[in-house]
Amino acid sequence: PAGSLAEELIRASRALHALEETMQSDATRVIVVTRPERIVIAESQRLIGAVEACGMRIGGIIANYITPENDCVCDQSLRGFEQDALAQLGRDDVVEIARRDAPVTGLEELSGLVPLRS
């Protein structure tokens, strides 16, 4: 029936309005996940600018797949390049997650790596 389409459009409009209010709320934050590579950092900077331009707030940045600290000269060199790339973000709230053999698959393991706030 013709009335059901109008009702669906009104419901969709209300849902979009509620989503917009939520995204503009002081309680809403965006967590940016990046990698320590110059091109990825450049895209992350673009994303951060776009998020802030929309009036949303950045709740933190997670830099994933960082070369772990160790005695290997090659790894130390690579880590230096990664740290230089991350410095381009110009932020001191970056949480670094070292490269791992296996991906994190559970919330408990994730909460041990990244401080989650409610």
N, C-alpha and C. Protein backbone atom coordinates (compact mmCIF):
# COMPACT_ATOMS: atom_id res chain seq x y z
N PRO A 1 0.82 -1.21 0.00
CA PRO A 1 0.00 0.00 0.00
C PRO A 1 0.85 1.27 0.00
N ALA A 2 0.30 2.34 -0.57
CA ALA A 2 1.03 3.60 -0.71
C ALA A 2 1.45 4.16 0.65
N GLY A 3 0.64 3.98 1.67
CA GLY A 3 0.96 4.51 3.00
C GLY A 3 2.18 3.88 3.61
N SER A 4 2.45 2.62 3.31
CA SER A 4 3.59 1.94 3.93
C SER A 4 4.92 2.52 3.45
N LEU A 5 5.02 2.96 2.20
CA LEU A 5 6.25 3.58 1.71
C LEU A 5 6.51 4.89 2.45
N ALA A 6 5.48 5.68 2.61
CA ALA A 6 5.62 6.95 3.33
C ALA A 6 6.06 6.71 4.78
N GLU A 7 5.46 5.71 5.41
CA GLU A 7 5.83 5.38 6.78
C GLU A 7 7.29 4.92 6.87
N GLU A 8 7.71 4.12 5.90
CA GLU A 8 9.10 3.64 5.88
C GLU A 8 10.07 4.81 5.69
N LEU A 9 9.73 5.75 4.82
CA LEU A 9 10.58 6.92 4.60
C LEU A 9 10.66 7.78 5.87
N ILE A 10 9.58 7.92 6.56
CA ILE A 10 9.59 8.69 7.82
C ILE A 10 10.47 7.98 8.85
N ARG A 11 10.34 6.65 8.96
CA ARG A 11 11.19 5.89 9.89
C ARG A 11 12.67 6.04 9.53
N ALA A 12 12.98 5.96 8.26
CA ALA A 12 14.37 6.10 7.82
C ALA A 12 14.89 7.49 8.13
N SER A 13 14.08 8.50 7.90
CA SER A 13 14.47 9.87 8.18
C SER A 13 14.75 10.06 9.67
N ARG A 14 13.90 9.51 10.51
CA ARG A 14 14.10 9.61 11.96
C ARG A 14 15.36 8.87 12.39
N ALA A 15 15.61 7.71 11.80
CA ALA A 15 16.81 6.94 12.14
C ALA A 15 18.07 7.71 11.74
N LEU A 16 18.05 8.33 10.57
CA LEU A 16 19.21 9.11 10.13
C LEU A 16 19.42 10.33 11.03
N HIS A 17 18.35 10.95 11.44
CA HIS A 17 18.45 12.09 12.36
C HIS A 17 19.06 11.65 13.69
N ALA A 18 18.60 10.50 14.21
CA ALA A 18 19.14 9.97 15.46
C ALA A 18 20.62 9.63 15.32
N LEU A 19 21.00 9.06 14.17
CA LEU A 19 22.40 8.74 13.92
C LEU A 19 23.24 10.02 13.89
N GLU A 20 22.75 11.05 13.23
CA GLU A 20 23.48 12.32 13.17
C GLU A 20 23.65 12.92 14.56
N GLU A 21 22.60 12.88 15.37
CA GLU A 21 22.71 13.39 16.74
C GLU A 21 23.75 12.61 17.54
N THR A 22 23.74 11.30 17.38
CA THR A 22 24.71 10.45 18.08
C THR A 22 26.13 10.79 17.66
N MET A 23 26.35 10.97 16.38
CA MET A 23 27.69 11.25 15.88
C MET A 23 28.19 12.62 16.33
N GLN A 24 27.29 13.57 16.59
CA GLN A 24 27.67 14.90 17.04
C GLN A 24 27.74 15.00 18.56
N SER A 25 27.34 13.95 19.26
CA SER A 25 27.29 13.95 20.72
C SER A 25 28.69 14.08 21.32
N ASP A 26 28.74 14.71 22.50
CA ASP A 26 30.01 14.80 23.23
C ASP A 26 30.49 13.43 23.69
N ALA A 27 29.60 12.45 23.75
CA ALA A 27 29.97 11.11 24.21
C ALA A 27 30.53 10.24 23.09
N THR A 28 30.44 10.70 21.85
CA THR A 28 30.88 9.90 20.70
C THR A 28 32.32 10.24 20.34
N ARG A 29 33.11 9.21 20.11
CA ARG A 29 34.50 9.38 19.69
C ARG A 29 34.80 8.40 18.56
N VAL A 30 35.70 8.80 17.68
CA VAL A 30 36.14 7.94 16.59
C VAL A 30 37.55 7.46 16.92
N ILE A 31 37.76 6.16 16.84
CA ILE A 31 39.08 5.58 17.03
C ILE A 31 39.67 5.33 15.64
N VAL A 32 40.82 5.90 15.37
CA VAL A 32 41.48 5.74 14.08
C VAL A 32 42.53 4.66 14.21
N VAL A 33 42.48 3.68 13.33
CA VAL A 33 43.48 2.61 13.31
C VAL A 33 44.31 2.80 12.05
N THR A 34 45.63 2.85 12.22
CA THR A 34 46.52 3.11 11.10
C THR A 34 47.70 2.15 11.15
N ARG A 35 48.57 2.28 10.17
CA ARG A 35 49.82 1.51 10.14
C ARG A 35 50.96 2.51 10.01
N PRO A 36 52.15 2.13 10.45
CA PRO A 36 53.27 3.07 10.47
C PRO A 36 53.99 3.19 9.11
N GLU A 37 53.22 3.53 8.10
CA GLU A 37 53.77 3.71 6.75
C GLU A 37 53.35 5.09 6.27
N ARG A 38 54.25 5.80 5.62
CA ARG A 38 53.98 7.19 5.25
C ARG A 38 52.68 7.38 4.47
N ILE A 39 52.41 6.53 3.49
CA ILE A 39 51.21 6.70 2.69
C ILE A 39 49.96 6.45 3.52
N VAL A 40 50.02 5.48 4.43
CA VAL A 40 48.88 5.18 5.29
C VAL A 40 48.68 6.31 6.30
N ILE A 41 49.76 6.84 6.82
CA ILE A 41 49.68 7.97 7.76
C ILE A 41 49.05 9.18 7.06
N ALA A 42 49.43 9.43 5.82
CA ALA A 42 48.85 10.55 5.07
C ALA A 42 47.34 10.38 4.94
N GLU A 43 46.89 9.16 4.65
CA GLU A 43 45.45 8.90 4.55
C GLU A 43 44.78 9.03 5.92
N SER A 44 45.47 8.62 6.97
CA SER A 44 44.92 8.75 8.32
C SER A 44 44.77 10.22 8.70
N GLN A 45 45.73 11.05 8.30
CA GLN A 45 45.63 12.48 8.56
C GLN A 45 44.42 13.07 7.82
N ARG A 46 44.21 12.62 6.58
CA ARG A 46 43.05 13.08 5.81
C ARG A 46 41.76 12.67 6.50
N LEU A 47 41.72 11.42 6.99
CA LEU A 47 40.55 10.92 7.70
C LEU A 47 40.29 11.73 8.97
N ILE A 48 41.33 11.98 9.74
CA ILE A 48 41.18 12.75 10.98
C ILE A 48 40.62 14.14 10.67
N GLY A 49 41.14 14.78 9.63
CA GLY A 49 40.64 16.10 9.24
C GLY A 49 39.17 16.05 8.85
N ALA A 50 38.79 15.02 8.11
CA ALA A 50 37.39 14.89 7.67
C ALA A 50 36.47 14.63 8.86
N VAL A 51 36.91 13.80 9.79
CA VAL A 51 36.10 13.50 10.98
C VAL A 51 35.91 14.78 11.80
N GLU A 52 36.98 15.51 12.00
CA GLU A 52 36.89 16.74 12.79
C GLU A 52 36.08 17.81 12.06
N ALA A 53 36.17 17.86 10.74
CA ALA A 53 35.38 18.81 9.96
C ALA A 53 33.89 18.54 10.08
N CYS A 54 33.53 17.29 10.35
CA CYS A 54 32.13 16.91 10.54
C CYS A 54 31.66 17.18 11.97
N GLY A 55 32.55 17.70 12.80
CA GLY A 55 32.18 18.00 14.18
C GLY A 55 32.31 16.83 15.14
N MET A 56 32.91 15.75 14.67
CA MET A 56 33.12 14.59 15.55
C MET A 56 34.50 14.69 16.19
N ARG A 57 34.69 13.92 17.24
CA ARG A 57 35.95 13.96 17.99
C ARG A 57 36.73 12.67 17.80
N ILE A 58 38.05 12.82 17.82
CA ILE A 58 38.94 11.66 17.76
C ILE A 58 39.17 11.18 19.18
N GLY A 59 38.88 9.91 19.44
CA GLY A 59 39.05 9.33 20.77
C GLY A 59 40.39 8.69 20.97
N GLY A 60 41.17 8.56 19.92
CA GLY A 60 42.48 7.96 20.02
C GLY A 60 42.91 7.40 18.68
N ILE A 61 44.19 7.07 18.63
CA ILE A 61 44.75 6.50 17.42
C ILE A 61 45.50 5.24 17.80
N ILE A 62 45.25 4.19 17.05
CA ILE A 62 45.96 2.92 17.24
C ILE A 62 46.85 2.71 16.03
N ALA A 63 48.14 2.57 16.27
CA ALA A 63 49.09 2.26 15.21
C ALA A 63 49.37 0.76 15.28
N ASN A 64 48.91 0.06 14.28
CA ASN A 64 48.98 -1.39 14.26
C ASN A 64 50.18 -1.85 13.43
N TYR A 65 50.71 -3.01 13.80
CA TYR A 65 51.76 -3.69 13.04
C TYR A 65 53.10 -2.95 13.10
N ILE A 66 53.44 -2.47 14.29
CA ILE A 66 54.72 -1.80 14.52
C ILE A 66 55.80 -2.88 14.71
N THR A 67 56.96 -2.65 14.14
CA THR A 67 58.08 -3.57 14.33
C THR A 67 58.46 -3.60 15.81
N PRO A 68 58.49 -4.78 16.42
CA PRO A 68 58.81 -4.84 17.85
C PRO A 68 60.26 -4.43 18.11
N GLU A 69 60.49 -3.91 19.30
CA GLU A 69 61.87 -3.58 19.69
C GLU A 69 62.63 -4.87 19.91
N ASN A 70 63.83 -4.95 19.31
CA ASN A 70 64.71 -6.10 19.50
C ASN A 70 66.12 -5.72 19.10
N ASP A 71 67.04 -6.67 19.11
CA ASP A 71 68.45 -6.39 18.84
C ASP A 71 68.81 -6.45 17.36
N CYS A 72 67.88 -6.81 16.50
CA CYS A 72 68.16 -6.93 15.07
C CYS A 72 68.34 -5.54 14.46
N VAL A 73 69.47 -5.32 13.80
CA VAL A 73 69.78 -4.03 13.20
C VAL A 73 68.76 -3.66 12.13
N CYS A 74 68.34 -4.61 11.34
CA CYS A 74 67.34 -4.35 10.30
C CYS A 74 66.01 -3.91 10.92
N ASP A 75 65.60 -4.63 11.96
CA ASP A 75 64.35 -4.27 12.64
C ASP A 75 64.46 -2.89 13.29
N GLN A 76 65.61 -2.58 13.87
CA GLN A 76 65.80 -1.27 14.48
C GLN A 76 65.69 -0.16 13.44
N SER A 77 66.26 -0.40 12.27
CA SER A 77 66.18 0.58 11.19
C SER A 77 64.74 0.76 10.73
N LEU A 78 64.04 -0.35 10.52
CA LEU A 78 62.65 -0.29 10.09
C LEU A 78 61.79 0.41 11.14
N ARG A 79 62.03 0.10 12.41
CA ARG A 79 61.28 0.74 13.49
C ARG A 79 61.53 2.25 13.49
N GLY A 80 62.75 2.66 13.18
CA GLY A 80 63.05 4.09 13.10
C GLY A 80 62.22 4.78 12.02
N PHE A 81 62.11 4.14 10.85
CA PHE A 81 61.27 4.69 9.77
C PHE A 81 59.81 4.76 10.21
N GLU A 82 59.36 3.72 10.92
CA GLU A 82 57.97 3.69 11.39
C GLU A 82 57.72 4.81 12.39
N GLN A 83 58.64 5.02 13.31
CA GLN A 83 58.48 6.08 14.31
C GLN A 83 58.47 7.46 13.64
N ASP A 84 59.30 7.64 12.62
CA ASP A 84 59.29 8.90 11.87
C ASP A 84 57.94 9.12 11.18
N ALA A 85 57.39 8.06 10.62
CA ALA A 85 56.08 8.16 9.96
C ALA A 85 55.01 8.52 10.97
N LEU A 86 55.01 7.86 12.13
CA LEU A 86 54.01 8.15 13.16
C LEU A 86 54.14 9.56 13.70
N ALA A 87 55.36 10.08 13.74
CA ALA A 87 55.57 11.45 14.22
C ALA A 87 54.85 12.46 13.33
N GLN A 88 54.61 12.10 12.07
CA GLN A 88 53.90 12.99 11.16
C GLN A 88 52.47 13.26 11.61
N LEU A 89 51.93 12.38 12.45
CA LEU A 89 50.59 12.60 12.97
C LEU A 89 50.56 13.79 13.93
N GLY A 90 51.70 14.07 14.56
CA GLY A 90 51.77 15.20 15.48
C GLY A 90 50.92 15.02 16.72
N ARG A 91 50.76 13.79 17.16
CA ARG A 91 49.91 13.51 18.32
C ARG A 91 50.69 12.66 19.32
N ASP A 92 50.34 12.82 20.59
CA ASP A 92 51.02 12.04 21.62
C ASP A 92 50.12 10.95 22.20
N ASP A 93 48.94 10.76 21.62
CA ASP A 93 48.00 9.77 22.15
C ASP A 93 47.93 8.50 21.30
N VAL A 94 48.98 8.23 20.54
CA VAL A 94 49.00 7.06 19.67
C VAL A 94 49.35 5.82 20.48
N VAL A 95 48.49 4.82 20.42
CA VAL A 95 48.75 3.54 21.07
C VAL A 95 49.40 2.64 20.02
N GLU A 96 50.60 2.15 20.32
CA GLU A 96 51.33 1.32 19.37
C GLU A 96 51.12 -0.15 19.68
N ILE A 97 50.76 -0.91 18.64
CA ILE A 97 50.58 -2.35 18.76
C ILE A 97 51.66 -3.03 17.92
N ALA A 98 52.50 -3.80 18.57
CA ALA A 98 53.60 -4.47 17.88
C ALA A 98 53.09 -5.55 16.93
N ARG A 99 53.85 -5.74 15.87
CA ARG A 99 53.56 -6.82 14.91
C ARG A 99 53.53 -8.15 15.67
N ARG A 100 52.58 -8.99 15.32
CA ARG A 100 52.39 -10.27 16.00
C ARG A 100 52.37 -11.40 14.98
N ASP A 101 52.63 -12.61 15.46
CA ASP A 101 52.57 -13.78 14.59
C ASP A 101 51.14 -14.15 14.22
N ALA A 102 50.22 -13.90 15.14
CA ALA A 102 48.81 -14.24 14.90
C ALA A 102 47.95 -13.02 15.23
N PRO A 103 46.87 -12.83 14.50
CA PRO A 103 46.02 -11.67 14.76
C PRO A 103 45.25 -11.81 16.08
N VAL A 104 44.89 -10.67 16.64
CA VAL A 104 44.04 -10.65 17.83
C VAL A 104 42.63 -11.03 17.38
N THR A 105 42.03 -11.98 18.08
CA THR A 105 40.71 -12.45 17.66
C THR A 105 39.65 -12.31 18.75
N GLY A 106 40.03 -11.90 19.94
CA GLY A 106 39.05 -11.80 21.01
C GLY A 106 39.09 -10.47 21.71
N LEU A 107 37.95 -10.06 22.27
CA LEU A 107 37.85 -8.79 22.97
C LEU A 107 38.76 -8.75 24.19
N GLU A 108 38.89 -9.88 24.88
CA GLU A 108 39.75 -9.92 26.07
C GLU A 108 41.20 -9.65 25.68
N GLU A 109 41.65 -10.27 24.61
CA GLU A 109 43.03 -10.05 24.15
C GLU A 109 43.19 -8.60 23.67
N LEU A 110 42.19 -8.08 22.96
CA LEU A 110 42.24 -6.70 22.49
C LEU A 110 42.30 -5.73 23.66
N SER A 111 41.51 -5.97 24.69
CA SER A 111 41.51 -5.05 25.83
C SER A 111 42.84 -5.07 26.57
N GLY A 112 43.61 -6.13 26.43
CA GLY A 112 44.95 -6.18 27.00
C GLY A 112 45.95 -5.36 26.20
N LEU A 113 45.64 -5.10 24.94
CA LEU A 113 46.55 -4.33 24.08
C LEU A 113 46.20 -2.85 24.04
N VAL A 114 44.90 -2.56 24.07
CA VAL A 114 44.43 -1.19 23.91
C VAL A 114 43.54 -0.83 25.09
N PRO A 115 43.85 0.29 25.75
CA PRO A 115 42.99 0.70 26.85
C PRO A 115 41.63 1.15 26.33
N LEU A 116 40.59 0.39 26.65
CA LEU A 116 39.24 0.71 26.21
C LEU A 116 38.52 1.44 27.33
N ARG A 117 37.89 2.57 26.97
CA ARG A 117 37.14 3.34 27.96
C ARG A 117 35.67 3.27 27.62
N SER A 118 34.86 3.31 28.64
CA SER A 118 33.42 3.31 28.37
C SER A 118 32.84 4.69 28.48
